[in-house]
Protein backbone atom coordinates (compact mmCIF):
# COMPACT_ATOMS: atom_id res chain seq x y z
CA UNK A 1 0.00 0.00 0.00
CA UNK A 2 2.64 2.42 -1.01
CA UNK A 3 0.50 5.45 -1.86
CA UNK A 4 -1.13 5.92 1.54
CA UNK A 5 0.03 5.34 5.03
CA UNK A 6 -2.11 3.85 7.77
CA UNK A 7 -0.43 6.43 10.01
CA UNK A 8 -2.76 9.08 8.56
CA UNK A 9 -5.76 7.31 10.12
CA UNK A 10 -7.10 7.88 13.63
CA UNK A 11 -7.17 4.94 16.11
CA UNK A 12 -10.79 3.95 15.35
CA UNK A 13 -10.12 4.05 11.61
CA UNK A 14 -6.97 1.94 12.04
CA UNK A 15 -8.99 -0.63 13.98
CA UNK A 16 -11.24 -1.10 10.96
CA UNK A 17 -8.34 -1.36 8.52
CA UNK A 18 -6.52 -3.87 10.77
CA UNK A 19 -9.63 -6.00 11.46
CA UNK A 20 -8.52 -9.55 10.62
CA UNK A 21 -11.42 -11.99 10.78
CA UNK A 22 -14.69 -11.82 8.89
CA UNK A 23 -16.56 -8.97 7.29
CA UNK A 24 -16.44 -5.38 8.51
CA UNK A 25 -19.40 -3.02 8.54
CA UNK A 26 -18.50 0.67 8.49
CA UNK A 27 -21.21 3.11 9.55
CA UNK A 28 -20.26 6.73 10.10
CA UNK A 29 -21.46 10.24 9.34
CA UNK A 30 -20.69 12.40 6.33
CA UNK A 31 -17.13 13.65 6.14
CA UNK A 32 -15.84 11.18 8.73
CA UNK A 33 -13.41 9.45 6.36
CA UNK A 34 -15.44 6.33 5.50
CA UNK A 35 -14.23 6.23 1.90
CA UNK A 36 -10.61 6.56 2.96
CA UNK A 37 -10.99 3.88 5.65
CA UNK A 38 -12.74 1.44 3.33
CA UNK A 39 -10.14 2.10 0.64
CA UNK A 40 -7.33 1.35 3.09
CA UNK A 41 -9.15 -1.76 4.35
CA UNK A 42 -9.68 -3.20 0.87
CA UNK A 43 -6.10 -2.37 -0.16
CA UNK A 44 -4.82 -3.97 3.06
CA UNK A 45 -6.84 -7.14 2.40
CA UNK A 46 -5.48 -7.44 -1.14
CA UNK A 47 -1.95 -6.60 0.02
CA UNK A 48 -2.20 -9.39 2.63
CA UNK A 49 -3.06 -11.96 -0.03
CA UNK A 50 -6.86 -11.95 -0.11
CA UNK A 51 -7.90 -12.28 -3.77
CA UNK A 52 -9.64 -9.12 -4.97
CA UNK A 53 -12.32 -11.30 -6.58
CA UNK A 54 -13.37 -12.55 -3.13
CA UNK A 55 -13.96 -9.04 -1.76
CA UNK A 56 -17.54 -7.78 -1.77
CA UNK A 57 -17.81 -4.00 -1.45
CA UNK A 58 -21.37 -2.73 -0.99
CA UNK A 59 -22.20 0.95 -0.75
CA UNK A 60 -25.31 3.07 -1.14
CA UNK A 61 -24.22 4.58 -4.46
CA UNK A 62 -22.42 3.13 -7.48
CA UNK A 63 -20.39 6.34 -7.60
CA UNK A 64 -18.96 5.63 -4.12
CA UNK A 65 -18.23 1.99 -4.95
CA UNK A 66 -16.44 2.93 -8.18
CA UNK A 67 -14.50 5.68 -6.41
CA UNK A 68 -13.28 3.25 -3.73
CA UNK A 69 -12.27 0.65 -6.34
CA UNK A 70 -10.30 3.30 -8.26
CA UNK A 71 -8.60 4.51 -5.09
CA UNK A 72 -7.65 0.93 -4.20
CA UNK A 73 -6.09 0.58 -7.65
CA UNK A 74 -4.06 3.75 -7.09
CA UNK A 75 -3.08 2.67 -3.56
CA UNK A 76 -1.82 -0.69 -4.82
CA UNK A 77 -0.36 0.81 -8.00
CA UNK A 78 -2.14 -2.07 -9.77
CA UNK A 79 -5.21 -1.13 -11.78
CA UNK A 80 -5.95 -4.76 -12.70
CA UNK A 81 -6.59 -5.88 -9.11
CA UNK A 82 -9.18 -3.19 -8.41
CA UNK A 83 -11.17 -4.36 -11.46
CA UNK A 84 -11.66 -7.77 -9.82
CA UNK A 85 -13.37 -6.39 -6.70
CA UNK A 86 -17.11 -7.16 -6.65
CA UNK A 87 -18.51 -3.71 -5.96
CA UNK A 88 -21.66 -1.64 -6.28
CA UNK A 89 -24.89 -0.85 -4.50
CA UNK A 90 -26.86 -3.54 -2.70
CA UNK A 91 -29.34 -3.47 -5.58
CA UNK A 92 -26.85 -3.50 -8.46
CA UNK A 93 -24.77 -6.35 -6.99
CA UNK A 94 -27.94 -8.29 -6.18
CA UNK A 95 -29.21 -7.79 -9.71
CA UNK A 96 -25.89 -8.94 -11.22
CA UNK A 97 -25.92 -12.01 -8.97
CA UNK A 98 -29.49 -12.89 -9.95
CA UNK A 99 -28.79 -12.43 -13.66
CA UNK A 100 -25.66 -14.60 -13.52
CA UNK A 101 -27.54 -17.34 -11.68
CA UNK A 102 -30.96 -16.98 -13.31
CA UNK A 103 -30.71 -20.35 -15.05
CA UNK A 104 -30.37 -22.10 -11.68
CA UNK A 105 -33.85 -20.74 -10.88
CA UNK A 106 -35.17 -21.59 -14.35
CA UNK A 107 -35.43 -17.88 -15.20
CA UNK A 108 -34.13 -15.99 -18.18
CA UNK A 109 -31.48 -13.42 -17.34
CA UNK A 110 -33.28 -10.55 -19.07
CA UNK A 111 -35.93 -10.12 -16.36
CA UNK A 112 -37.04 -6.70 -15.13
CA UNK A 113 -36.86 -5.48 -11.57
CA UNK A 114 -39.70 -3.14 -10.74
CA UNK A 115 -39.30 -0.22 -8.41
CA UNK A 116 -42.09 0.75 -6.07
CA UNK A 117 -43.73 3.13 -8.53
CA UNK A 118 -43.62 0.58 -11.38
CA UNK A 119 -45.11 -2.02 -9.06
CA UNK A 120 -48.03 0.25 -8.11
CA UNK A 121 -48.66 1.06 -11.77
CA UNK A 122 -48.76 -2.65 -12.59
CA UNK A 123 -51.28 -3.26 -9.80
CA UNK A 124 -53.46 -0.40 -11.07
CA UNK A 125 -53.32 -1.74 -14.64
CA UNK A 126 -54.13 -5.26 -13.45
CA UNK A 127 -57.11 -4.00 -11.46
CA UNK A 128 -58.41 -2.00 -14.41
CA UNK A 129 -58.09 -5.03 -16.68
CA UNK A 130 -59.68 -7.54 -14.31
CA UNK A 131 -62.36 -5.68 -12.35
CA UNK A 132 -62.63 -2.30 -14.02
CA UNK A 133 -63.11 0.60 -11.64
CA UNK A 134 -62.85 -0.62 -8.04
CA UNK A 135 -65.50 0.46 -5.54
CA UNK A 136 -64.79 3.25 -3.08
CA UNK A 137 -64.02 0.79 -0.27
CA UNK A 138 -61.57 -1.21 -2.34
CA UNK A 139 -57.98 -0.78 -1.09
CA UNK A 140 -55.70 1.57 -2.99
CA UNK A 141 -52.84 0.17 -5.10
CA UNK A 142 -50.28 1.17 -2.43
CA UNK A 143 -52.18 -0.84 0.22
CA UNK A 144 -52.40 -3.86 -2.09
CA UNK A 145 -48.70 -3.48 -2.84
CA UNK A 146 -47.97 -3.56 0.89
CA UNK A 147 -50.15 -6.65 1.39
CA UNK A 148 -48.38 -8.48 -1.47
CA UNK A 149 -44.98 -7.43 -0.15
CA UNK A 150 -45.73 -8.53 3.42
CA UNK A 151 -47.13 -11.81 2.16
CA UNK A 152 -44.05 -12.52 0.07
CA UNK A 153 -41.53 -11.42 2.73
CA UNK A 154 -43.24 -13.36 5.51
CA UNK A 155 -43.83 -16.47 3.37
CA UNK A 156 -47.56 -16.48 4.01
CA UNK A 157 -50.82 -15.93 2.16
CA UNK A 158 -52.44 -12.57 1.54
CA UNK A 159 -55.36 -13.77 3.67
CA UNK A 160 -52.99 -14.26 6.61
CA UNK A 161 -51.74 -10.68 6.17
CA UNK A 162 -55.31 -9.38 6.00
CA UNK A 163 -56.17 -11.29 9.17
CA UNK A 164 -53.13 -10.09 11.10
CA UNK A 165 -51.91 -6.71 9.86
CA UNK A 166 -55.16 -5.36 8.42
CA UNK A 167 -57.76 -6.92 10.70
CA UNK A 168 -59.00 -3.52 11.90
CA UNK A 169 -59.73 -2.24 8.41
CA UNK A 170 -63.03 -2.86 6.72
CA UNK A 171 -61.97 -3.87 3.23
CA UNK A 172 -65.33 -5.24 2.14
CA UNK A 173 -63.61 -8.55 1.51
CA UNK A 174 -66.24 -9.62 -1.02
CA UNK A 175 -64.69 -7.05 -3.40
CA UNK A 176 -61.26 -8.60 -3.00
Foldseek 3Di string as FASTA:
>chain_A
DPPDDPVVDDPVLNCLLPDDDDDDDDDDDPPPCPLVSVLSNLLSCVVVPNQQLPAEEADQAQVSFVVSLVSNCVRNVHNVRSVNHHYGHPVVSVLVVCLVCVVVVPHHSPDDDDDPVRQLVVQVVVCCVPPNDQDPLADHSNVVVVLVVCCVVVVHDSVVCCVPVVVVGDSVVVSD
